[in-house]
């Protein structure tokens, strides 16, 4: 028969052994859980890094898209500004022409004898001018024919459609298509009243795509072939812009100053002054 004290000792020893066995059994499981937790953490960090890279890539793409849209919008703004300037210049020219006609009519009415219409007086005055003996109907006809041949012809319906198609590409920001359309137009129709416009927008199309050397050639061609066209002031201004873009600072300054001297009080003169101010600030900052 076992002693009670020995029995209690054995019972306690058995319980302690069981607890020790349980602890030894659970230790590997706890270590395995710790290893799995560390692997999960590493995997989570890798996923976060990959997600961050993807986010940065998306942001970079969005930034490039926004820059491209801004360039297109800038080109469209320049087109709209030029159209507005053309409308203002046209309105001013029409007003001046109307004012000049009214002035001539008033002078003719004041110079006409009492009771004689001004138109009749003008006709009579025209009839009494002698014809120079050196001139003849043949030479006069030849002179008129020569003048008509040298003057740009009015565009036909086909010319107008071709020009409008290329101009639509400009206003839509499709500058490559626009440059191709205007280049084809100039090759097919080198001398008509729309040719200076086609040359100008050809230069603008190349300028918008940063092809500055070709833009320079287009503006120079317009100024050389059509120096008195309505597009000449804007072409001279953009010539200065293009020279600046090509790092030809001295030429750009000279060209912009000539814009101010030739076309004082106009929008192109104001823009030339602004660009000269920018050039001066950029030079002083260096």
C-alpha atoms as a PDB file:
ATOM      1  CA  UNK A   1       0.000   0.000   0.000  1.00  0.00           C
ATOM      2  CA  UNK A   2       1.361   3.323  -1.038  1.00  0.00           C
ATOM      3  CA  UNK A   3       1.936   6.048   1.415  1.00  0.00           C
ATOM      4  CA  UNK A   4      -0.413   8.988   0.922  1.00  0.00           C
ATOM      5  CA  UNK A   5       2.471  11.442   0.765  1.00  0.00           C
ATOM      6  CA  UNK A   6       4.160   9.399  -1.953  1.00  0.00           C
ATOM      7  CA  UNK A   7       0.919   9.192  -3.840  1.00  0.00           C
ATOM      8  CA  UNK A   8       0.462  12.941  -3.828  1.00  0.00           C
ATOM      9  CA  UNK A   9       4.081  13.412  -4.962  1.00  0.00           C
ATOM     10  CA  UNK A  10       3.609  11.051  -7.896  1.00  0.00           C
ATOM     11  CA  UNK A  11       0.386  12.742  -8.882  1.00  0.00           C
ATOM     12  CA  UNK A  12       2.021  16.148  -8.873  1.00  0.00           C
ATOM     13  CA  UNK A  13       5.000  14.804 -10.812  1.00  0.00           C
ATOM     14  CA  UNK A  14       2.701  13.353 -13.465  1.00  0.00           C
ATOM     15  CA  UNK A  15       0.878  16.622 -13.873  1.00  0.00           C
ATOM     16  CA  UNK A  16       4.122  18.576 -14.201  1.00  0.00           C
ATOM     17  CA  UNK A  17       5.367  16.104 -16.794  1.00  0.00           C
ATOM     18  CA  UNK A  18       2.246  16.491 -18.810  1.00  0.00           C
ATOM     19  CA  UNK A  19       2.552  20.255 -18.766  1.00  0.00           C
ATOM     20  CA  UNK A  20       6.210  20.058 -19.769  1.00  0.00           C
ATOM     21  CA  UNK A  21       5.346  17.733 -22.647  1.00  0.00           C
ATOM     22  CA  UNK A  22       2.634  20.122 -23.824  1.00  0.00           C
ATOM     23  CA  UNK A  23       5.017  23.044 -23.725  1.00  0.00           C
ATOM     24  CA  UNK A  24       7.643  21.125 -25.693  1.00  0.00           C
ATOM     25  CA  UNK A  25       5.018  20.119 -28.250  1.00  0.00           C
ATOM     26  CA  UNK A  26       3.672  23.653 -28.701  1.00  0.00           C
ATOM     27  CA  UNK A  27       7.120  25.301 -29.096  1.00  0.00           C
ATOM     28  CA  UNK A  28       7.709  24.105 -32.707  1.00  0.00           C
ATOM     29  CA  UNK A  29       4.167  25.126 -33.625  1.00  0.00           C
ATOM     30  CA  UNK A  30       4.740  28.616 -32.251  1.00  0.00           C
ATOM     31  CA  UNK A  31       8.022  28.938 -34.167  1.00  0.00           C
ATOM     32  CA  UNK A  32       6.315  27.761 -37.350  1.00  0.00           C
ATOM     33  CA  UNK A  33       3.584  30.363 -36.840  1.00  0.00           C
ATOM     34  CA  UNK A  34       6.260  33.019 -36.376  1.00  0.00           C
ATOM     35  CA  UNK A  35       8.008  31.994 -39.600  1.00  0.00           C
ATOM     36  CA  UNK A  36       4.734  32.077 -41.507  1.00  0.00           C
ATOM     37  CA  UNK A  37       3.951  35.489 -40.093  1.00  0.00           C
ATOM     38  CA  UNK A  38       7.330  36.831 -41.237  1.00  0.00           C
ATOM     39  CA  UNK A  39       6.807  35.455 -44.743  1.00  0.00           C
ATOM     40  CA  UNK A  40       3.389  37.053 -44.851  1.00  0.00           C
ATOM     41  CA  UNK A  41       4.915  40.360 -43.850  1.00  0.00           C
ATOM     42  CA  UNK A  42       7.532  40.165 -46.579  1.00  0.00           C
ATOM     43  CA  UNK A  43       4.876  39.238 -49.133  1.00  0.00           C
ATOM     44  CA  UNK A  44       2.732  42.161 -47.994  1.00  0.00           C
ATOM     45  CA  UNK A  45       5.670  44.542 -48.313  1.00  0.00           C
ATOM     46  CA  UNK A  46       6.400  43.260 -51.807  1.00  0.00           C
ATOM     47  CA  UNK A  47       2.774  43.779 -52.776  1.00  0.00           C
ATOM     48  CA  UNK A  48       2.827  47.305 -51.389  1.00  0.00           C
ATOM     49  CA  UNK A  49       6.038  48.104 -53.293  1.00  0.00           C
ATOM     50  CA  UNK A  50       4.565  46.714 -56.512  1.00  0.00           C
ATOM     51  CA  UNK A  51       1.368  48.693 -56.001  1.00  0.00           C
ATOM     52  CA  UNK A  52       3.424  51.833 -55.401  1.00  0.00           C
ATOM     53  CA  UNK A  53       5.384  51.269 -58.627  1.00  0.00           C
ATOM     54  CA  UNK A  54       2.174  50.840 -60.585  1.00  0.00           C
ATOM     55  CA  UNK A  55       0.745  54.023 -59.048  1.00  0.00           C
ATOM     56  CA  UNK A  56       3.882  55.975 -59.933  1.00  0.00           C
ATOM     57  CA  UNK A  57       3.768  54.619 -63.490  1.00  0.00           C
ATOM     58  CA  UNK A  58       0.132  55.680 -63.852  1.00  0.00           C
ATOM     59  CA  UNK A  59       0.911  59.137 -62.504  1.00  0.00           C
ATOM     60  CA  UNK A  60       3.815  59.473 -64.921  1.00  0.00           C
ATOM     61  CA  UNK A  61       1.592  58.518 -67.865  1.00  0.00           C
ATOM     62  CA  UNK A  62      -1.056  60.978 -66.734  1.00  0.00           C
ATOM     63  CA  UNK A  63       1.554  63.720 -66.483  1.00  0.00           C
ATOM     64  CA  UNK A  64       2.760  63.035 -70.040  1.00  0.00           C
ATOM     65  CA  UNK A  65      -0.829  63.077 -71.301  1.00  0.00           C
ATOM     66  CA  UNK A  66      -1.500  66.379 -69.559  1.00  0.00           C
ATOM     67  CA  UNK A  67       1.665  67.896 -71.040  1.00  0.00           C
ATOM     68  CA  UNK A  68       0.613  66.771 -74.522  1.00  0.00           C
ATOM     69  CA  UNK A  69      -2.876  68.214 -74.014  1.00  0.00           C
ATOM     70  CA  UNK A  70      -1.386  71.488 -72.781  1.00  0.00           C
ATOM     71  CA  UNK A  71       0.770  71.746 -75.904  1.00  0.00           C
ATOM     72  CA  UNK A  72      -2.268  71.136 -78.090  1.00  0.00           C
ATOM     73  CA  UNK A  73      -4.308  73.697 -76.143  1.00  0.00           C
ATOM     74  CA  UNK A  74      -1.500  76.232 -76.444  1.00  0.00           C
ATOM     75  CA  UNK A  75      -1.446  75.750 -80.197  1.00  0.00           C
ATOM     76  CA  UNK A  76      -5.215  76.129 -80.378  1.00  0.00           C
ATOM     77  CA  UNK A  77      -5.064  79.290 -78.250  1.00  0.00           C
ATOM     78  CA  UNK A  78      -2.488  80.774 -80.604  1.00  0.00           C
ATOM     79  CA  UNK A  79      -4.720  79.906 -83.556  1.00  0.00           C
ATOM     80  CA  UNK A  80      -7.737  81.553 -81.910  1.00  0.00           C
ATOM     81  CA  UNK A  81      -5.690  84.607 -80.980  1.00  0.00           C
ATOM     82  CA  UNK A  82      -4.536  84.944 -84.551  1.00  0.00           C
ATOM     83  CA  UNK A  83      -8.074  84.555 -85.875  1.00  0.00           C
ATOM     84  CA  UNK A  84      -9.255  87.263 -83.488  1.00  0.00           C
ATOM     85  CA  UNK A  85      -6.422  89.523 -84.601  1.00  0.00           C
ATOM     86  CA  UNK A  86      -7.348  88.902 -88.238  1.00  0.00           C
ATOM     87  CA  UNK A  87     -10.960  89.823 -87.535  1.00  0.00           C
ATOM     88  CA  UNK A  88      -9.887  92.999 -85.763  1.00  0.00           C
ATOM     89  CA  UNK A  89      -7.503  93.944 -88.567  1.00  0.00           C
ATOM     90  CA  UNK A  90     -10.195  93.250 -91.180  1.00  0.00           C
ATOM     91  CA  UNK A  91     -12.734  95.363 -89.322  1.00  0.00           C
ATOM     92  CA  UNK A  92     -10.210  98.181 -88.980  1.00  0.00           C
ATOM     93  CA  UNK A  93      -9.319  97.996 -92.688  1.00  0.00           C
ATOM     94  CA  UNK A  94     -13.007  98.062 -93.666  1.00  0.00           C
ATOM     95  CA  UNK A  95     -13.617 101.046 -91.423  1.00  0.00           C
ATOM     96  CA  UNK A  96     -10.641 102.930 -92.850  1.00  0.00           C
ATOM     97  CA  UNK A  97     -11.718 102.099 -96.390  1.00  0.00           C
ATOM     98  CA  UNK A  98     -15.264 103.283 -95.691  1.00  0.00           C
ATOM     99  CA  UNK A  99     -13.978 106.458 -94.056  1.00  0.00           C
ATOM    100  CA  UNK A 100     -11.722 107.110 -97.033  1.00  0.00           C
ATOM    101  CA  UNK A 101     -14.594 106.636 -99.490  1.00  0.00           C
ATOM    102  CA  UNK A 102     -16.839 108.955 -97.517  1.00  0.00           C
ATOM    103  CA  UNK A 103     -14.055 111.545 -97.425  1.00  0.00           C
ATOM    104  CA  UNK A 104     -13.582 111.361-101.186  1.00  0.00           C
ATOM    105  CA  UNK A 105     -17.319 111.733-101.789  1.00  0.00           C
ATOM    106  CA  UNK A 106     -17.474 114.727 -99.489  1.00  0.00           C
ATOM    107  CA  UNK A 107     -14.543 116.396-101.284  1.00  0.00           C
ATOM    108  CA  UNK A 108     -16.094 115.681-104.691  1.00  0.00           C
ATOM    109  CA  UNK A 109     -19.421 117.111-103.545  1.00  0.00           C
ATOM    110  CA  UNK A 110     -17.715 120.235-102.224  1.00  0.00           C
ATOM    111  CA  UNK A 111     -15.739 120.724-105.466  1.00  0.00           C
ATOM    112  CA  UNK A 112     -18.708 120.151-107.788  1.00  0.00           C
ATOM    113  CA  UNK A 113     -20.384 123.249-109.332  1.00  0.00           C
ATOM    114  CA  UNK A 114     -23.785 124.188-107.993  1.00  0.00           C
ATOM    115  CA  UNK A 115     -26.541 122.136-109.536  1.00  0.00           C
ATOM    116  CA  UNK A 116     -24.163 119.534-110.990  1.00  0.00           C
ATOM    117  CA  UNK A 117     -23.960 116.097-109.335  1.00  0.00           C
ATOM    118  CA  UNK A 118     -20.584 115.127-107.973  1.00  0.00           C
ATOM    119  CA  UNK A 119     -20.514 111.940-110.025  1.00  0.00           C
ATOM    120  CA  UNK A 120     -21.115 113.864-113.227  1.00  0.00           C
ATOM    121  CA  UNK A 121     -18.411 116.356-112.330  1.00  0.00           C
ATOM    122  CA  UNK A 122     -15.970 113.524-111.720  1.00  0.00           C
ATOM    123  CA  UNK A 123     -16.866 111.922-115.018  1.00  0.00           C
ATOM    124  CA  UNK A 124     -16.397 115.192-116.839  1.00  0.00           C
ATOM    125  CA  UNK A 125     -13.090 115.759-115.176  1.00  0.00           C
ATOM    126  CA  UNK A 126     -11.959 112.327-116.170  1.00  0.00           C
ATOM    127  CA  UNK A 127     -12.906 112.917-119.808  1.00  0.00           C
ATOM    128  CA  UNK A 128     -10.755 116.004-120.246  1.00  0.00           C
ATOM    129  CA  UNK A 129      -7.474 114.427-119.192  1.00  0.00           C
ATOM    130  CA  UNK A 130      -5.298 114.135-122.321  1.00  0.00           C
ATOM    131  CA  UNK A 131      -3.800 110.801-123.281  1.00  0.00           C
ATOM    132  CA  UNK A 132      -0.042 110.786-123.549  1.00  0.00           C
ATOM    133  CA  UNK A 133       1.261 110.271-127.057  1.00  0.00           C
ATOM    134  CA  UNK A 134       3.600 107.597-125.789  1.00  0.00           C
ATOM    135  CA  UNK A 135       0.718 105.420-124.646  1.00  0.00           C
ATOM    136  CA  UNK A 136      -1.622 103.506-126.859  1.00  0.00           C
ATOM    137  CA  UNK A 137      -4.471 101.037-126.392  1.00  0.00           C
ATOM    138  CA  UNK A 138      -2.079  98.187-127.149  1.00  0.00           C
ATOM    139  CA  UNK A 139       0.449  99.206-124.520  1.00  0.00           C
ATOM    140  CA  UNK A 140      -2.315  99.874-122.045  1.00  0.00           C
ATOM    141  CA  UNK A 141      -3.768  96.437-122.613  1.00  0.00           C
ATOM    142  CA  UNK A 142      -0.339  94.876-122.241  1.00  0.00           C
ATOM    143  CA  UNK A 143       0.193  96.716-118.973  1.00  0.00           C
ATOM    144  CA  UNK A 144      -3.156  95.583-117.642  1.00  0.00           C
ATOM    145  CA  UNK A 145      -2.435  92.018-118.719  1.00  0.00           C
ATOM    146  CA  UNK A 146       0.952  92.098-116.981  1.00  0.00           C
ATOM    147  CA  UNK A 147      -0.612  93.443-113.798  1.00  0.00           C
ATOM    148  CA  UNK A 148      -3.277  90.750-113.830  1.00  0.00           C
ATOM    149  CA  UNK A 149      -0.675  88.042-114.385  1.00  0.00           C
ATOM    150  CA  UNK A 150       1.473  89.208-111.467  1.00  0.00           C
ATOM    151  CA  UNK A 151      -1.443  89.552-109.023  1.00  0.00           C
ATOM    152  CA  UNK A 152      -2.446  86.406-107.114  1.00  0.00           C
ATOM    153  CA  UNK A 153      -5.569  84.798-108.517  1.00  0.00           C
ATOM    154  CA  UNK A 154      -8.658  84.138-106.452  1.00  0.00           C
ATOM    155  CA  UNK A 155      -8.964  80.539-105.240  1.00  0.00           C
ATOM    156  CA  UNK A 156     -11.336  78.181-106.949  1.00  0.00           C
ATOM    157  CA  UNK A 157     -13.829  76.047-105.062  1.00  0.00           C
ATOM    158  CA  UNK A 158     -11.377  73.109-105.088  1.00  0.00           C
ATOM    159  CA  UNK A 159      -8.608  75.332-103.678  1.00  0.00           C
ATOM    160  CA  UNK A 160     -10.927  76.590-100.968  1.00  0.00           C
ATOM    161  CA  UNK A 161     -11.903  73.051 -99.922  1.00  0.00           C
ATOM    162  CA  UNK A 162      -8.279  71.922 -99.788  1.00  0.00           C
ATOM    163  CA  UNK A 163      -7.313  74.917 -97.693  1.00  0.00           C
ATOM    164  CA  UNK A 164     -10.239  74.512 -95.286  1.00  0.00           C
ATOM    165  CA  UNK A 165      -9.439  70.812 -94.789  1.00  0.00           C
ATOM    166  CA  UNK A 166      -5.857  71.612 -93.787  1.00  0.00           C
ATOM    167  CA  UNK A 167      -6.977  74.522 -91.603  1.00  0.00           C
ATOM    168  CA  UNK A 168      -9.432  72.239 -89.794  1.00  0.00           C
ATOM    169  CA  UNK A 169      -6.502  69.991 -88.850  1.00  0.00           C
ATOM    170  CA  UNK A 170      -4.727  73.009 -87.355  1.00  0.00           C
ATOM    171  CA  UNK A 171      -7.696  74.024 -85.210  1.00  0.00           C
ATOM    172  CA  UNK A 172      -8.083  70.392 -84.075  1.00  0.00           C
ATOM    173  CA  UNK A 173      -4.446  70.159 -83.007  1.00  0.00           C
ATOM    174  CA  UNK A 174      -3.537  67.612 -85.702  1.00  0.00           C
ATOM    175  CA  UNK A 175      -0.418  69.474 -86.705  1.00  0.00           C
ATOM    176  CA  UNK A 176       1.261  66.674 -88.654  1.00  0.00           C
ATOM    177  CA  UNK A 177      -1.797  66.264 -90.880  1.00  0.00           C
ATOM    178  CA  UNK A 178      -2.088  70.040 -91.165  1.00  0.00           C
ATOM    179  CA  UNK A 179       1.518  70.451 -92.292  1.00  0.00           C
ATOM    180  CA  UNK A 180       1.030  67.748 -94.912  1.00  0.00           C
ATOM    181  CA  UNK A 181      -2.178  69.396 -96.172  1.00  0.00           C
ATOM    182  CA  UNK A 182      -0.704  72.885 -96.409  1.00  0.00           C
ATOM    183  CA  UNK A 183       2.470  71.605 -98.066  1.00  0.00           C
ATOM    184  CA  UNK A 184       0.391  69.833-100.733  1.00  0.00           C
ATOM    185  CA  UNK A 185      -1.719  72.973-101.177  1.00  0.00           C
ATOM    186  CA  UNK A 186       1.337  75.188-101.755  1.00  0.00           C
ATOM    187  CA  UNK A 187       2.798  72.728-104.253  1.00  0.00           C
ATOM    188  CA  UNK A 188      -0.457  72.548-106.224  1.00  0.00           C
ATOM    189  CA  UNK A 189      -1.469  76.199-105.950  1.00  0.00           C
ATOM    190  CA  UNK A 190       1.723  78.269-105.484  1.00  0.00           C
ATOM    191  CA  UNK A 191       0.219  81.676-106.316  1.00  0.00           C
ATOM    192  CA  UNK A 192      -3.277  82.648-105.209  1.00  0.00           C
ATOM    193  CA  UNK A 193      -4.756  84.790-102.474  1.00  0.00           C
ATOM    194  CA  UNK A 194      -4.779  81.887-100.001  1.00  0.00           C
ATOM    195  CA  UNK A 195      -1.136  80.883-100.565  1.00  0.00           C
ATOM    196  CA  UNK A 196       0.241  83.327 -97.948  1.00  0.00           C
ATOM    197  CA  UNK A 197      -2.222  81.919 -95.417  1.00  0.00           C
ATOM    198  CA  UNK A 198      -1.191  78.383 -96.305  1.00  0.00           C
ATOM    199  CA  UNK A 199       2.484  79.291 -95.852  1.00  0.00           C
ATOM    200  CA  UNK A 200       1.768  80.889 -92.496  1.00  0.00           C
ATOM    201  CA  UNK A 201      -0.160  77.917 -91.125  1.00  0.00           C
ATOM    202  CA  UNK A 202       2.449  75.571 -92.547  1.00  0.00           C
ATOM    203  CA  UNK A 203       5.011  77.386 -90.414  1.00  0.00           C
ATOM    204  CA  UNK A 204       2.661  77.317 -87.410  1.00  0.00           C
ATOM    205  CA  UNK A 205       2.162  73.560 -87.795  1.00  0.00           C
ATOM    206  CA  UNK A 206       5.890  72.908 -87.814  1.00  0.00           C
ATOM    207  CA  UNK A 207       6.381  75.357 -84.935  1.00  0.00           C
ATOM    208  CA  UNK A 208       3.791  73.514 -82.826  1.00  0.00           C
ATOM    209  CA  UNK A 209       5.645  70.221 -83.361  1.00  0.00           C
ATOM    210  CA  UNK A 210       8.986  71.929 -82.483  1.00  0.00           C
ATOM    211  CA  UNK A 211      10.329  71.408 -86.006  1.00  0.00           C
ATOM    212  CA  UNK A 212      11.783  74.905 -85.857  1.00  0.00           C
ATOM    213  CA  UNK A 213      14.151  74.802 -88.877  1.00  0.00           C
ATOM    214  CA  UNK A 214      11.298  73.952 -91.270  1.00  0.00           C
ATOM    215  CA  UNK A 215       9.002  76.483 -89.580  1.00  0.00           C
ATOM    216  CA  UNK A 216      11.701  79.109 -90.122  1.00  0.00           C
ATOM    217  CA  UNK A 217      11.811  78.309 -93.842  1.00  0.00           C
ATOM    218  CA  UNK A 218       8.032  78.595 -94.157  1.00  0.00           C
ATOM    219  CA  UNK A 219       7.880  82.020 -92.487  1.00  0.00           C
ATOM    220  CA  UNK A 220      10.830  83.281 -94.529  1.00  0.00           C
ATOM    221  CA  UNK A 221       9.223  82.008 -97.746  1.00  0.00           C
ATOM    222  CA  UNK A 222       6.023  83.903 -96.948  1.00  0.00           C
ATOM    223  CA  UNK A 223       7.872  87.147 -96.180  1.00  0.00           C
ATOM    224  CA  UNK A 224       9.982  86.912 -99.328  1.00  0.00           C
ATOM    225  CA  UNK A 225       7.199  85.989-101.746  1.00  0.00           C
ATOM    226  CA  UNK A 226       4.292  87.901-100.176  1.00  0.00           C
ATOM    227  CA  UNK A 227       5.820  90.770 -98.156  1.00  0.00           C
ATOM    228  CA  UNK A 228       2.630  92.852 -98.303  1.00  0.00           C
ATOM    229  CA  UNK A 229       0.105  90.132 -97.478  1.00  0.00           C
ATOM    230  CA  UNK A 230      -2.145  90.253 -94.434  1.00  0.00           C
ATOM    231  CA  UNK A 231      -0.116  87.398 -92.941  1.00  0.00           C
ATOM    232  CA  UNK A 232       3.206  89.228 -93.182  1.00  0.00           C
ATOM    233  CA  UNK A 233       3.023  90.882 -89.718  1.00  0.00           C
ATOM    234  CA  UNK A 234       2.182  87.622 -87.941  1.00  0.00           C
ATOM    235  CA  UNK A 235       4.794  85.744 -89.990  1.00  0.00           C
ATOM    236  CA  UNK A 236       7.474  88.261 -89.006  1.00  0.00           C
ATOM    237  CA  UNK A 237       6.507  87.891 -85.348  1.00  0.00           C
ATOM    238  CA  UNK A 238       6.622  84.088 -85.491  1.00  0.00           C
ATOM    239  CA  UNK A 239       9.920  84.290 -87.341  1.00  0.00           C
ATOM    240  CA  UNK A 240      11.326  86.034 -84.269  1.00  0.00           C
ATOM    241  CA  UNK A 241       9.791  83.375 -81.999  1.00  0.00           C
ATOM    242  CA  UNK A 242      11.330  80.636 -84.124  1.00  0.00           C
ATOM    243  CA  UNK A 243      14.759  82.255 -84.118  1.00  0.00           C
ATOM    244  CA  UNK A 244      14.599  82.419 -80.338  1.00  0.00           C
ATOM    245  CA  UNK A 245      13.637  78.733 -80.173  1.00  0.00           C
ATOM    246  CA  UNK A 246      16.683  77.971 -82.338  1.00  0.00           C
ATOM    247  CA  UNK A 247      18.898  79.881 -79.836  1.00  0.00           C
ATOM    248  CA  UNK A 248      19.509  82.645 -82.388  1.00  0.00           C
ATOM    249  CA  UNK A 249      18.990  85.342 -79.778  1.00  0.00           C
ATOM    250  CA  UNK A 250      20.582  88.244 -81.661  1.00  0.00           C
ATOM    251  CA  UNK A 251      18.528  87.562 -84.807  1.00  0.00           C
ATOM    252  CA  UNK A 252      15.379  87.109 -82.734  1.00  0.00           C
ATOM    253  CA  UNK A 253      15.857  90.481 -81.029  1.00  0.00           C
ATOM    254  CA  UNK A 254      16.455  92.193 -84.379  1.00  0.00           C
ATOM    255  CA  UNK A 255      13.367  90.589 -85.925  1.00  0.00           C
ATOM    256  CA  UNK A 256      11.107  91.435 -82.982  1.00  0.00           C
ATOM    257  CA  UNK A 257      12.297  95.043 -82.998  1.00  0.00           C
ATOM    258  CA  UNK A 258      11.476  95.247 -86.700  1.00  0.00           C
ATOM    259  CA  UNK A 259       7.938  94.040 -85.907  1.00  0.00           C
ATOM    260  CA  UNK A 260       7.508  96.938 -83.479  1.00  0.00           C
ATOM    261  CA  UNK A 261       8.964  99.420 -85.987  1.00  0.00           C
ATOM    262  CA  UNK A 262       6.904  98.244 -88.968  1.00  0.00           C
ATOM    263  CA  UNK A 263       3.562  97.654 -87.245  1.00  0.00           C
ATOM    264  CA  UNK A 264       3.320 100.087 -84.303  1.00  0.00           C
ATOM    265  CA  UNK A 265       0.169 100.004 -82.218  1.00  0.00           C
ATOM    266  CA  UNK A 266      -0.869  96.542 -83.425  1.00  0.00           C
ATOM    267  CA  UNK A 267      -1.301  93.305 -81.534  1.00  0.00           C
ATOM    268  CA  UNK A 268       1.815  91.787 -83.109  1.00  0.00           C
ATOM    269  CA  UNK A 269       3.844  94.774 -81.898  1.00  0.00           C
ATOM    270  CA  UNK A 270       2.562  94.224 -78.345  1.00  0.00           C
ATOM    271  CA  UNK A 271       3.468  90.536 -78.512  1.00  0.00           C
ATOM    272  CA  UNK A 272       6.906  91.415 -79.850  1.00  0.00           C
ATOM    273  CA  UNK A 273       7.454  93.767 -76.894  1.00  0.00           C
ATOM    274  CA  UNK A 274       6.409  91.036 -74.462  1.00  0.00           C
ATOM    275  CA  UNK A 275       8.801  88.538 -76.022  1.00  0.00           C
ATOM    276  CA  UNK A 276      11.666  91.057 -75.976  1.00  0.00           C
ATOM    277  CA  UNK A 277      10.986  91.636 -72.281  1.00  0.00           C
ATOM    278  CA  UNK A 278      11.147  87.877 -71.656  1.00  0.00           C
ATOM    279  CA  UNK A 279      14.421  87.625 -73.546  1.00  0.00           C
ATOM    280  CA  UNK A 280      15.867  90.510 -71.537  1.00  0.00           C
ATOM    281  CA  UNK A 281      14.811  88.901 -68.242  1.00  0.00           C
ATOM    282  CA  UNK A 282      16.237  85.552 -69.284  1.00  0.00           C
ATOM    283  CA  UNK A 283      19.545  87.167 -70.243  1.00  0.00           C
ATOM    284  CA  UNK A 284      19.822  89.080 -66.951  1.00  0.00           C
ATOM    285  CA  UNK A 285      19.083  85.936 -64.934  1.00  0.00           C
ATOM    286  CA  UNK A 286      22.075  84.116 -66.396  1.00  0.00           C
END
